[in-house]
Amino acid sequence: MPEETRPFIKGAFILAAAALFIKILSAVYRVPFQNIVGDTGFYIYQQVYPLYGIAYVLASTGFPVIISRIVAAKDQQNKQSVINKLQAAFIVLMFVGLGLFSFFFFGANMIARWMGDPLLGPVIQVTAFPFLLLPFLSLWRGIFQGNGNMVPTALAQVIEQVFRVAAILLISFLLVDKGYSFYEVGRGTWAGAVVGSAAGAVLLAIFAGRNIRIFINAVRLPFHEFVAVGKLVLVHGTAICFSGLLLILFQLVDSLNMYSLLLHSGMESVDAKVLKGVFDRGQPLIQLGTTIVGAMSLALVPAIAAAWSQGNIGILQKKMESTIKLSAVIGAGAAIGLMNIIKPTNMMLFKNQDGSLTLGILAAAIFFASMVMTFTGILQGMGAALVPAKYLLVGIACKYVLNTWLVPQYGAFGAALATNIGMGVIFILLLNELKKRFPVHMVIFKTLPRLLMACTAMTAVLQVWLFLFEVCGLEGRLWSTVAALGGVLVGGFIYISFLLYSNLFDNEELKHVPFYAKATAFRWRTTEEGRRK
């Protein structure tokens, strides 16, 4: 690996580690939050969450990456040219941030009516404020990342998430305890979330104040260059965001039309809110299930880009093949495993088993989302960032249309089916696109039979495991916790054992699996000692 690429590869892994921590915390905190506010309160929170999620992803993923590329190219152009482009990018992002803030703040009541719940207007207004931080966060993160310094970005993101989660849980507990309405609780918790975002911004501002000296002055770019920078930031920056926006945009579709469709189908308002809240229990489960693959795909992009730019086709193909196999194994294992233990998991996390069938169907989205994230990371690394964005929009459109057809007939179950079909469409389109560049279908065909064997074995064992609890009459939340966590261990052991037995991964790939090398060395020493005796 060339020496100059090492800081960026190392930095990518720092960001991936921070992203892994953030995603786990983001998924886990929703469980105690739902326990505090109930399904109706959870519905209110989740209805507006995608709006905050869009602001977060834009400011942490897409726009900073584009700005980092401008900074990283400083050796090929003079310093003033780079500064001018950064100023142009900042001005463009100022317009974007102010525009999005104005749309969500002043259009909050319109969006709430579109969602079918006018009372959500004040809650939506609170989520508009993070868009004001968008240009500053994007510029600072991009400059640090362009210089290979990922620590400020990673640290600020972790601090932001910790403060946000703490504020949400504390404020929701206090407001519920004092008897405020669910909508007041929702507005209060989102105000706390904004404070958390501000905490991360303040920390990043401190780093920026010590290291960055970029000021907006009278120096102007020629208009055509300003337009070129604006196009680069908006089009390519937004396209890069789509991997991070995958789950958020699917949630946004459900926020926009699921509740209103339930009302139009004749369901009472209170019941529709509860049903949507129960359906939203699946979001942290999907997010947690895709956490490892999401972090892995983030780290994959610079590694693929380095191999692609250097023309190392052999290394590139080997890296892509190993990553696709690993993503399929993680995604399928998490999806099938959760489908099997969804009832005790639902009881363990959310106090009852409401909506378990729907959540079980929704769990299949973990596999599709994992593969889509991986394919997107590969294509972005190969310089085709616009392709995944195009296909993701097709999948979102399918999800929206299918919701309008399936939700009135099948309720939340129909929304889960629409999610899986929409993600399945994206998966097929990206698979076909990637097949044009390297024989990805051969990897899938090689992996699929062994995955099916391992998933079948895991399912059989887990069903016996759950049957034992049923026969013994072991019920309640405590026993559900034992069944769920024990199921993870038992099912995971069987799944991994079958995959190792099937020789899906070669020895070179297994060396990179945590603890495998140590376990193999321990087994070899034990065997040798046994032979000597």
Protein backbone atom coordinates (compact mmCIF):
# COMPACT_ATOMS: atom_id res chain seq x y z
CA MET A 1 0.00 0.00 0.00
CA PRO A 2 1.43 3.42 -0.92
CA GLU A 3 2.54 5.41 2.09
CA GLU A 4 0.30 8.38 1.29
CA THR A 5 -2.87 6.25 1.39
CA ARG A 6 -2.21 4.81 4.84
CA PRO A 7 -3.52 7.83 6.83
CA PHE A 8 -6.77 7.77 4.88
CA ILE A 9 -7.28 4.03 5.32
CA LYS A 10 -6.53 4.38 9.04
CA GLY A 11 -8.86 7.37 9.24
CA ALA A 12 -11.63 5.43 7.54
CA PHE A 13 -11.38 2.75 10.21
CA ILE A 14 -11.52 5.41 12.94
CA LEU A 15 -14.74 6.76 11.42
CA ALA A 16 -16.07 3.22 11.01
CA ALA A 17 -15.40 2.47 14.70
CA ALA A 18 -17.17 5.69 15.72
CA ALA A 19 -20.06 4.87 13.38
CA LEU A 20 -20.33 1.39 14.89
CA PHE A 21 -20.57 2.80 18.42
CA ILE A 22 -23.09 5.45 17.32
CA LYS A 23 -25.31 2.98 15.49
CA ILE A 24 -25.35 0.55 18.41
CA LEU A 25 -26.20 3.32 20.87
CA SER A 26 -28.80 4.76 18.47
CA ALA A 27 -30.54 1.40 18.27
CA VAL A 28 -30.24 0.42 21.93
CA TYR A 29 -31.55 3.63 23.54
CA ARG A 30 -34.90 3.29 21.78
CA VAL A 31 -35.75 0.26 23.88
CA PRO A 32 -35.79 2.07 27.27
CA PHE A 33 -37.30 5.09 25.51
CA GLN A 34 -40.22 2.99 24.24
CA ASN A 35 -40.60 1.47 27.69
CA ILE A 36 -40.92 5.02 29.11
CA VAL A 37 -43.33 6.55 26.58
CA GLY A 38 -45.22 3.47 25.32
CA ASP A 39 -46.25 2.70 21.75
CA THR A 40 -48.13 5.97 21.20
CA GLY A 41 -45.20 8.07 22.41
CA PHE A 42 -42.86 5.95 20.34
CA TYR A 43 -45.06 6.57 17.29
CA ILE A 44 -44.73 10.36 17.75
CA TYR A 45 -40.95 10.13 18.11
CA GLN A 46 -40.50 7.84 15.11
CA GLN A 47 -42.78 9.92 12.88
CA VAL A 48 -40.32 12.80 12.89
CA TYR A 49 -37.09 10.84 13.38
CA PRO A 50 -36.38 10.54 9.62
CA LEU A 51 -36.25 14.36 9.34
CA TYR A 52 -33.53 14.54 11.98
CA GLY A 53 -31.84 11.53 10.40
CA ILE A 54 -31.58 13.30 7.05
CA ALA A 55 -29.90 16.32 8.68
CA TYR A 56 -27.47 14.07 10.55
CA VAL A 57 -26.45 12.00 7.52
CA LEU A 58 -26.05 15.03 5.23
CA ALA A 59 -23.77 16.74 7.78
CA SER A 60 -21.75 13.65 8.66
CA THR A 61 -21.44 11.63 5.47
CA GLY A 62 -22.06 13.09 2.03
CA PHE A 63 -21.09 16.75 2.11
CA PRO A 64 -17.97 16.29 4.28
CA VAL A 65 -16.72 13.61 1.88
CA ILE A 66 -16.96 15.96 -1.10
CA ILE A 67 -15.26 18.79 0.81
CA SER A 68 -12.53 16.39 1.92
CA ARG A 69 -11.85 15.59 -1.74
CA ILE A 70 -11.41 19.29 -2.49
CA VAL A 71 -8.93 19.57 0.39
CA ALA A 72 -7.12 16.33 -0.49
CA ALA A 73 -6.43 17.70 -4.00
CA LYS A 74 -4.49 20.67 -2.58
CA ASP A 75 -1.20 19.31 -3.89
CA GLN A 76 -2.48 19.55 -7.48
CA GLN A 77 -3.61 23.19 -7.21
CA ASN A 78 -2.58 26.37 -5.44
CA LYS A 79 -3.74 27.17 -1.92
CA GLN A 80 -5.92 30.12 -2.92
CA SER A 81 -7.82 27.98 -5.40
CA VAL A 82 -8.63 25.46 -2.68
CA ILE A 83 -9.73 28.25 -0.32
CA ASN A 84 -11.96 29.75 -3.02
CA LYS A 85 -13.61 26.38 -3.65
CA LEU A 86 -14.15 25.83 0.07
CA GLN A 87 -15.75 29.25 0.35
CA ALA A 88 -18.02 28.46 -2.58
CA ALA A 89 -18.95 25.11 -1.02
CA PHE A 90 -19.72 26.79 2.30
CA ILE A 91 -21.98 29.38 0.63
CA VAL A 92 -23.82 26.64 -1.27
CA LEU A 93 -24.30 24.67 1.94
CA MET A 94 -25.52 27.82 3.71
CA PHE A 95 -28.31 28.07 1.16
CA VAL A 96 -29.03 24.33 1.53
CA GLY A 97 -29.13 24.50 5.33
CA LEU A 98 -31.30 27.63 5.42
CA GLY A 99 -33.56 26.24 2.72
CA LEU A 100 -34.14 22.94 4.49
CA PHE A 101 -34.59 24.68 7.85
CA SER A 102 -37.20 27.02 6.34
CA PHE A 103 -39.00 24.15 4.63
CA PHE A 104 -39.27 22.00 7.74
CA PHE A 105 -39.88 24.86 10.19
CA PHE A 106 -42.40 26.92 8.24
CA GLY A 107 -43.84 23.92 6.42
CA ALA A 108 -44.16 21.80 9.57
CA ASN A 109 -47.94 22.04 9.69
CA MET A 110 -48.22 21.10 6.02
CA ILE A 111 -45.95 18.05 6.55
CA ALA A 112 -47.95 17.07 9.65
CA ARG A 113 -51.19 17.20 7.64
CA TRP A 114 -49.51 15.12 4.94
CA MET A 115 -48.67 12.56 7.61
CA GLY A 116 -52.32 12.64 8.69
CA ASP A 117 -51.62 13.99 12.18
CA PRO A 118 -51.78 17.82 12.45
CA LEU A 119 -50.66 17.69 16.10
CA LEU A 120 -47.16 16.75 14.92
CA GLY A 121 -46.52 20.27 13.59
CA PRO A 122 -44.73 21.70 16.66
CA VAL A 123 -42.67 18.51 17.02
CA ILE A 124 -41.51 18.74 13.39
CA GLN A 125 -40.51 22.36 13.89
CA VAL A 126 -38.00 21.36 16.57
CA THR A 127 -36.26 18.92 14.21
CA ALA A 128 -35.64 21.74 11.71
CA PHE A 129 -32.92 23.39 13.81
CA PRO A 130 -30.09 20.88 13.13
CA PHE A 131 -30.18 21.97 9.46
CA LEU A 132 -28.79 25.36 10.55
CA LEU A 133 -25.61 23.58 11.67
CA LEU A 134 -25.25 21.76 8.34
CA PRO A 135 -22.80 24.13 6.54
CA PHE A 136 -20.48 24.52 9.55
CA LEU A 137 -20.34 20.81 10.42
CA SER A 138 -19.87 19.77 6.79
CA LEU A 139 -17.05 22.26 6.21
CA TRP A 140 -15.17 21.47 9.42
CA ARG A 141 -15.49 17.71 9.06
CA GLY A 142 -14.53 17.85 5.40
CA ILE A 143 -11.38 19.89 6.04
CA PHE A 144 -10.24 17.60 8.86
CA GLN A 145 -10.94 14.47 6.82
CA GLY A 146 -9.27 15.91 3.74
CA ASN A 147 -6.09 16.33 5.79
CA GLY A 148 -6.35 12.74 7.06
CA ASN A 149 -7.35 13.76 10.61
CA MET A 150 -10.49 11.80 11.48
CA VAL A 151 -10.26 12.16 15.25
CA PRO A 152 -12.19 15.47 15.59
CA THR A 153 -15.05 14.16 13.42
CA ALA A 154 -15.24 10.82 15.22
CA LEU A 155 -15.01 12.35 18.69
CA ALA A 156 -17.62 15.02 17.94
CA GLN A 157 -20.04 12.41 16.58
CA VAL A 158 -19.64 10.22 19.66
CA ILE A 159 -20.12 13.18 22.03
CA GLU A 160 -23.17 14.29 20.06
CA GLN A 161 -24.76 10.86 20.28
CA VAL A 162 -24.03 10.40 23.98
CA PHE A 163 -25.48 13.81 24.85
CA ARG A 164 -28.48 13.24 22.59
CA VAL A 165 -29.35 9.86 24.06
CA ALA A 166 -28.90 11.08 27.64
CA ALA A 167 -31.09 14.14 26.97
CA ILE A 168 -33.83 12.10 25.28
CA LEU A 169 -34.08 9.53 28.06
CA LEU A 170 -33.89 12.07 30.90
CA ILE A 171 -36.38 14.55 29.42
CA SER A 172 -38.86 11.87 28.38
CA PHE A 173 -38.76 10.32 31.85
CA LEU A 174 -39.31 13.68 33.58
CA LEU A 175 -42.12 14.81 31.27
CA VAL A 176 -43.98 11.50 31.41
CA ASP A 177 -43.61 11.45 35.19
CA LYS A 178 -45.14 14.94 35.40
CA GLY A 179 -48.10 13.92 33.25
CA TYR A 180 -47.46 15.91 30.07
CA SER A 181 -49.19 14.83 26.84
CA PHE A 182 -47.37 12.55 24.41
CA TYR A 183 -46.98 15.40 21.91
CA GLU A 184 -45.43 17.66 24.57
CA VAL A 185 -43.13 14.79 25.52
CA GLY A 186 -42.22 14.39 21.85
CA ARG A 187 -41.39 18.06 21.46
CA GLY A 188 -39.35 18.03 24.68
CA THR A 189 -37.34 14.96 23.73
CA TRP A 190 -36.52 16.37 20.31
CA ALA A 191 -35.45 19.64 21.93
CA GLY A 192 -33.07 17.54 24.03
CA ALA A 193 -31.82 15.82 20.87
CA VAL A 194 -31.07 19.20 19.30
CA VAL A 195 -29.09 20.18 22.40
CA GLY A 196 -27.07 16.99 21.94
CA SER A 197 -26.37 17.95 18.34
CA ALA A 198 -25.24 21.38 19.50
CA ALA A 199 -22.84 19.76 21.99
CA GLY A 200 -21.13 17.86 19.19
CA ALA A 201 -21.01 21.03 17.08
CA VAL A 202 -19.40 23.01 19.91
CA LEU A 203 -16.66 20.39 20.32
CA LEU A 204 -15.99 20.38 16.58
CA ALA A 205 -15.95 24.21 16.61
CA ILE A 206 -13.25 24.13 19.29
CA PHE A 207 -11.11 21.82 17.14
CA ALA A 208 -11.79 23.99 14.11
CA GLY A 209 -10.91 27.20 15.95
CA ARG A 210 -7.47 25.82 16.76
CA ASN A 211 -6.67 24.36 13.36
CA ILE A 212 -8.76 25.93 10.57
CA ARG A 213 -8.34 29.44 9.19
CA ILE A 214 -10.93 29.79 6.44
CA PHE A 215 -12.85 33.07 6.23
CA ILE A 216 -15.51 34.24 3.82
CA ASN A 217 -14.11 37.32 2.08
CA ALA A 218 -14.55 39.32 -1.07
CA VAL A 219 -12.55 36.89 -3.20
CA ARG A 220 -14.90 35.48 -5.80
CA LEU A 221 -14.79 32.47 -8.03
CA PRO A 222 -15.76 32.88 -11.67
CA PHE A 223 -19.46 32.08 -11.98
CA HIS A 224 -18.90 28.89 -13.98
CA GLU A 225 -16.50 27.60 -11.28
CA PHE A 226 -18.99 28.48 -8.56
CA VAL A 227 -21.65 26.50 -10.44
CA ALA A 228 -19.22 23.58 -10.87
CA VAL A 229 -18.43 23.51 -7.14
CA GLY A 230 -22.13 23.79 -6.29
CA LYS A 231 -22.97 20.90 -8.61
CA LEU A 232 -20.17 18.79 -7.16
CA VAL A 233 -21.29 19.41 -3.59
CA LEU A 234 -25.03 19.00 -4.16
CA VAL A 235 -25.19 16.17 -6.69
CA HIS A 236 -22.25 14.02 -5.63
CA GLY A 237 -22.55 14.87 -1.94
CA THR A 238 -26.19 13.85 -1.87
CA ALA A 239 -25.45 10.70 -3.88
CA ILE A 240 -22.80 9.59 -1.39
CA CYS A 241 -25.32 10.05 1.42
CA PHE A 242 -27.72 7.49 0.03
CA SER A 243 -26.04 4.51 1.68
CA GLY A 244 -26.51 6.14 5.09
CA LEU A 245 -30.02 7.29 4.15
CA LEU A 246 -31.25 3.85 3.04
CA LEU A 247 -33.12 2.90 6.23
CA ILE A 248 -34.04 6.52 7.04
CA LEU A 249 -35.77 7.08 3.70
CA PHE A 250 -37.77 3.86 4.06
CA GLN A 251 -38.83 5.07 7.51
CA LEU A 252 -39.73 8.45 5.99
CA VAL A 253 -42.11 6.78 3.55
CA ASP A 254 -43.88 5.04 6.46
CA SER A 255 -43.99 8.34 8.36
CA LEU A 256 -45.55 10.12 5.40
CA ASN A 257 -48.32 7.72 4.49
CA MET A 258 -48.71 4.72 6.79
CA TYR A 259 -50.71 6.42 9.57
CA SER A 260 -52.94 8.31 7.13
CA LEU A 261 -53.55 5.11 5.14
CA LEU A 262 -54.58 3.30 8.33
CA LEU A 263 -57.05 6.11 9.09
CA HIS A 264 -58.50 6.01 5.58
CA SER A 265 -58.95 2.25 5.88
CA GLY A 266 -61.36 2.89 8.77
CA MET A 267 -59.09 2.40 11.78
CA GLU A 268 -59.58 4.65 14.80
CA SER A 269 -56.90 7.29 15.42
CA VAL A 270 -55.77 5.88 18.78
CA ASP A 271 -55.48 2.35 17.38
CA ALA A 272 -53.61 3.56 14.30
CA LYS A 273 -51.04 5.39 16.45
CA VAL A 274 -50.48 2.33 18.60
CA LEU A 275 -50.17 0.08 15.53
CA LYS A 276 -47.64 2.44 13.93
CA GLY A 277 -45.74 2.54 17.23
CA VAL A 278 -45.65 -1.25 17.35
CA PHE A 279 -44.46 -1.36 13.73
CA ASP A 280 -41.70 1.11 14.60
CA ARG A 281 -40.30 -1.37 17.11
CA GLY A 282 -38.72 -3.02 14.10
CA GLN A 283 -36.56 0.00 13.24
CA PRO A 284 -33.99 -0.38 16.06
CA LEU A 285 -33.90 -4.13 15.40
CA ILE A 286 -33.10 -3.59 11.72
CA GLN A 287 -30.60 -0.88 12.57
CA LEU A 288 -28.84 -3.10 15.08
CA GLY A 289 -28.86 -6.01 12.62
CA THR A 290 -27.15 -3.93 9.93
CA THR A 291 -24.70 -2.13 12.24
CA ILE A 292 -21.64 -4.27 11.54
CA VAL A 293 -22.20 -4.34 7.78
CA GLY A 294 -22.82 -0.58 7.75
CA ALA A 295 -19.53 0.12 9.51
CA MET A 296 -17.76 -2.39 7.30
CA SER A 297 -19.09 -0.77 4.11
CA LEU A 298 -17.92 2.64 5.35
CA ALA A 299 -14.39 1.30 5.78
CA LEU A 300 -14.64 -0.54 2.46
CA VAL A 301 -14.92 2.55 0.24
CA PRO A 302 -11.33 3.89 0.60
CA ALA A 303 -9.87 0.38 0.41
CA ILE A 304 -11.73 -0.35 -2.84
CA ALA A 305 -10.89 3.11 -4.16
CA ALA A 306 -7.17 2.59 -3.48
CA ALA A 307 -7.10 -0.80 -5.25
CA TRP A 308 -9.21 0.54 -8.13
CA SER A 309 -7.06 3.65 -8.69
CA GLN A 310 -3.86 1.57 -8.64
CA GLY A 311 -5.23 -0.98 -11.09
CA ASN A 312 -4.79 -3.91 -8.68
CA ILE A 313 -7.59 -5.95 -10.23
CA GLY A 314 -6.65 -9.18 -8.45
CA ILE A 315 -6.63 -7.56 -5.01
CA LEU A 316 -9.80 -5.64 -5.85
CA GLN A 317 -11.72 -8.75 -6.89
CA LYS A 318 -10.54 -10.74 -3.87
CA LYS A 319 -11.51 -7.93 -1.50
CA MET A 320 -14.96 -7.57 -3.08
CA GLU A 321 -15.58 -11.32 -3.06
CA SER A 322 -14.65 -11.65 0.63
CA THR A 323 -16.72 -8.61 1.60
CA ILE A 324 -19.82 -9.81 -0.25
CA LYS A 325 -19.59 -13.25 1.35
CA LEU A 326 -19.13 -11.77 4.81
CA SER A 327 -22.03 -9.33 4.33
CA ALA A 328 -24.30 -12.14 3.14
CA VAL A 329 -23.34 -14.30 6.12
CA ILE A 330 -23.93 -11.51 8.66
CA GLY A 331 -27.12 -10.25 7.02
CA ALA A 332 -28.70 -13.67 6.53
CA GLY A 333 -27.72 -14.87 10.00
CA ALA A 334 -29.13 -11.76 11.69
CA ALA A 335 -32.33 -11.82 9.62
CA ILE A 336 -33.15 -15.53 9.96
CA GLY A 337 -32.04 -15.64 13.58
CA LEU A 338 -34.25 -12.69 14.53
CA MET A 339 -37.20 -14.12 12.63
CA ASN A 340 -36.92 -17.28 14.73
CA ILE A 341 -36.67 -15.59 18.12
CA ILE A 342 -38.82 -12.53 17.40
CA LYS A 343 -41.53 -13.39 19.97
CA PRO A 344 -39.27 -13.66 23.03
CA THR A 345 -37.18 -10.73 21.73
CA ASN A 346 -40.31 -8.59 21.41
CA MET A 347 -41.36 -9.47 24.95
CA MET A 348 -37.84 -8.94 26.32
CA LEU A 349 -37.42 -5.49 24.80
CA PHE A 350 -40.93 -4.05 24.59
CA LYS A 351 -42.88 -5.79 27.40
CA ASN A 352 -45.33 -7.71 25.15
CA GLN A 353 -45.48 -9.73 21.92
CA ASP A 354 -47.69 -7.31 19.96
CA GLY A 355 -46.93 -7.30 16.24
CA SER A 356 -44.47 -10.20 16.39
CA LEU A 357 -45.56 -11.60 13.01
CA THR A 358 -45.10 -8.20 11.35
CA LEU A 359 -41.73 -7.66 13.02
CA GLY A 360 -40.65 -11.14 11.94
CA ILE A 361 -41.42 -10.32 8.31
CA LEU A 362 -39.72 -6.93 8.67
CA ALA A 363 -36.57 -8.70 9.93
CA ALA A 364 -35.95 -10.00 6.41
CA ALA A 365 -35.04 -6.42 5.47
CA ILE A 366 -31.80 -6.86 7.45
CA PHE A 367 -30.43 -9.15 4.74
CA PHE A 368 -31.45 -6.89 1.85
CA ALA A 369 -30.20 -3.74 3.60
CA SER A 370 -26.85 -5.41 4.42
CA MET A 371 -26.28 -6.42 0.81
CA VAL A 372 -27.40 -3.03 -0.54
CA MET A 373 -24.98 -1.23 1.81
CA THR A 374 -22.14 -3.47 0.66
CA PHE A 375 -22.91 -3.12 -3.05
CA THR A 376 -23.19 0.65 -2.57
CA GLY A 377 -19.81 0.79 -0.83
CA ILE A 378 -18.18 -1.19 -3.65
CA LEU A 379 -19.67 1.00 -6.38
CA GLN A 380 -18.74 4.19 -4.54
CA GLY A 381 -15.18 2.92 -4.19
CA MET A 382 -15.10 2.30 -7.95
CA GLY A 383 -16.19 5.88 -8.63
CA ALA A 384 -19.84 5.10 -9.48
CA ALA A 385 -21.51 6.96 -6.59
CA LEU A 386 -24.49 8.13 -8.65
CA VAL A 387 -25.58 4.60 -9.62
CA PRO A 388 -26.69 3.43 -6.12
CA ALA A 389 -28.51 6.75 -5.57
CA LYS A 390 -30.53 6.23 -8.75
CA TYR A 391 -31.56 2.70 -7.83
CA LEU A 392 -32.34 3.65 -4.23
CA LEU A 393 -34.84 6.21 -5.50
CA VAL A 394 -36.47 3.47 -7.58
CA GLY A 395 -36.78 1.28 -4.47
CA ILE A 396 -38.22 4.15 -2.42
CA ALA A 397 -40.80 4.81 -5.12
CA CYS A 398 -41.76 1.11 -5.07
CA LYS A 399 -42.10 1.24 -1.28
CA TYR A 400 -44.38 4.31 -1.45
CA VAL A 401 -46.64 2.83 -4.13
CA LEU A 402 -46.82 -0.58 -2.41
CA ASN A 403 -47.71 1.08 0.89
CA THR A 404 -50.74 2.72 -0.72
CA TRP A 405 -51.89 -0.70 -1.93
CA LEU A 406 -50.87 -3.05 0.89
CA VAL A 407 -51.39 -0.98 4.07
CA PRO A 408 -55.18 -0.46 3.62
CA GLN A 409 -55.58 -4.21 3.07
CA TYR A 410 -53.07 -5.73 5.47
CA GLY A 411 -52.16 -2.93 7.89
CA ALA A 412 -48.67 -2.99 9.39
CA PHE A 413 -48.04 -6.40 7.84
CA GLY A 414 -48.51 -4.80 4.42
CA ALA A 415 -46.01 -2.05 5.27
CA ALA A 416 -43.46 -4.72 6.24
CA LEU A 417 -44.01 -6.52 2.92
CA ALA A 418 -43.61 -3.23 1.06
CA THR A 419 -40.29 -2.59 2.83
CA ASN A 420 -38.91 -5.99 1.87
CA ILE A 421 -40.07 -5.71 -1.75
CA GLY A 422 -38.66 -2.18 -2.08
CA MET A 423 -35.28 -3.22 -0.69
CA GLY A 424 -35.36 -6.37 -2.78
CA VAL A 425 -35.77 -4.26 -5.92
CA ILE A 426 -32.71 -2.17 -4.98
CA PHE A 427 -30.75 -5.36 -4.25
CA ILE A 428 -31.55 -6.85 -7.67
CA LEU A 429 -30.77 -3.63 -9.56
CA LEU A 430 -27.43 -3.15 -7.78
CA LEU A 431 -26.54 -6.83 -8.23
CA ASN A 432 -27.16 -6.51 -11.97
CA GLU A 433 -25.09 -3.30 -12.10
CA LEU A 434 -22.19 -4.83 -10.19
CA LYS A 435 -22.32 -7.92 -12.42
CA LYS A 436 -21.24 -5.69 -15.32
CA ARG A 437 -17.97 -4.95 -13.51
CA PHE A 438 -17.03 -8.30 -12.00
CA PRO A 439 -18.66 -11.78 -11.69
CA VAL A 440 -20.57 -11.08 -8.49
CA HIS A 441 -23.26 -13.61 -9.45
CA MET A 442 -20.67 -16.39 -9.16
CA VAL A 443 -19.97 -15.33 -5.57
CA ILE A 444 -23.70 -15.33 -4.79
CA PHE A 445 -24.26 -18.75 -6.36
CA LYS A 446 -21.29 -20.15 -4.43
CA THR A 447 -22.46 -18.65 -1.14
CA LEU A 448 -26.23 -19.21 -1.32
CA PRO A 449 -26.42 -23.04 -0.95
CA ARG A 450 -24.13 -23.03 2.10
CA LEU A 451 -26.05 -20.13 3.63
CA LEU A 452 -29.33 -22.00 3.16
CA MET A 453 -27.87 -25.08 4.84
CA ALA A 454 -26.62 -23.06 7.82
CA CYS A 455 -29.88 -21.07 8.13
CA THR A 456 -31.95 -24.27 7.98
CA ALA A 457 -29.86 -25.90 10.70
CA MET A 458 -30.08 -22.77 12.87
CA THR A 459 -33.85 -22.57 12.38
CA ALA A 460 -34.36 -26.23 13.35
CA VAL A 461 -32.30 -25.88 16.52
CA LEU A 462 -33.94 -22.59 17.53
CA GLN A 463 -37.43 -23.99 17.07
CA VAL A 464 -36.55 -26.91 19.35
CA TRP A 465 -35.04 -24.42 21.83
CA LEU A 466 -38.23 -22.33 21.92
CA PHE A 467 -40.43 -25.43 22.06
CA LEU A 468 -38.70 -26.48 25.29
CA PHE A 469 -39.70 -23.18 26.93
CA GLU A 470 -43.26 -23.62 25.71
CA VAL A 471 -43.56 -27.22 26.95
CA CYS A 472 -42.16 -26.28 30.34
CA GLY A 473 -44.58 -23.35 30.63
CA LEU A 474 -41.79 -20.82 31.06
CA GLU A 475 -43.45 -17.48 30.30
CA GLY A 476 -43.10 -13.80 31.20
CA ARG A 477 -40.47 -11.20 30.45
CA LEU A 478 -37.68 -12.85 32.45
CA TRP A 479 -38.00 -16.20 30.70
CA SER A 480 -38.41 -14.44 27.36
CA THR A 481 -35.07 -12.75 28.04
CA VAL A 482 -33.47 -16.13 28.73
CA ALA A 483 -35.04 -17.59 25.58
CA ALA A 484 -33.97 -14.66 23.39
CA LEU A 485 -30.40 -14.27 24.62
CA GLY A 486 -29.90 -18.01 24.88
CA GLY A 487 -31.30 -18.33 21.36
CA VAL A 488 -28.68 -15.89 20.09
CA LEU A 489 -25.90 -18.01 21.59
CA VAL A 490 -27.33 -21.39 20.57
CA GLY A 491 -28.41 -20.29 17.09
CA GLY A 492 -25.18 -18.39 16.49
CA PHE A 493 -23.07 -21.39 17.47
CA ILE A 494 -24.92 -23.72 15.11
CA TYR A 495 -24.88 -21.17 12.28
CA ILE A 496 -21.16 -20.46 12.52
CA SER A 497 -20.31 -24.15 12.94
CA PHE A 498 -22.14 -25.10 9.75
CA LEU A 499 -20.52 -22.28 7.82
CA LEU A 500 -17.03 -23.31 8.97
CA TYR A 501 -17.82 -26.93 8.13
CA SER A 502 -18.92 -25.92 4.63
CA ASN A 503 -15.57 -24.17 3.95
CA LEU A 504 -17.29 -21.03 2.68
CA PHE A 505 -14.25 -18.93 3.68
CA ASP A 506 -10.69 -19.91 2.85
CA ASN A 507 -7.85 -19.78 5.37
CA GLU A 508 -6.67 -16.37 4.21
CA GLU A 509 -10.15 -14.89 4.81
CA LEU A 510 -10.50 -16.61 8.18
CA LYS A 511 -7.30 -14.99 9.41
CA HIS A 512 -9.14 -11.68 9.52
CA VAL A 513 -12.00 -13.05 11.64
CA PRO A 514 -11.59 -11.89 15.29
CA PHE A 515 -10.45 -14.65 17.69
CA TYR A 516 -10.39 -17.30 14.93
CA ALA A 517 -6.60 -17.34 14.69
CA LYS A 518 -6.24 -17.63 18.48
CA ALA A 519 -8.89 -20.37 18.63
CA THR A 520 -7.13 -22.29 15.84
CA ALA A 521 -3.75 -21.96 17.58
CA PHE A 522 -5.25 -23.13 20.87
CA ARG A 523 -6.87 -26.13 19.16
CA TRP A 524 -3.58 -26.99 17.44
CA ARG A 525 -1.64 -26.82 20.74
CA THR A 526 -4.27 -28.95 22.49
CA THR A 527 -4.14 -31.54 19.71
CA GLU A 528 -0.35 -31.67 19.79
CA GLU A 529 -0.30 -32.11 23.57
CA GLY A 530 -2.84 -34.91 23.25
CA ARG A 531 -0.69 -36.70 20.70
CA ARG A 532 2.40 -36.46 22.92
CA LYS A 533 0.53 -38.01 25.81
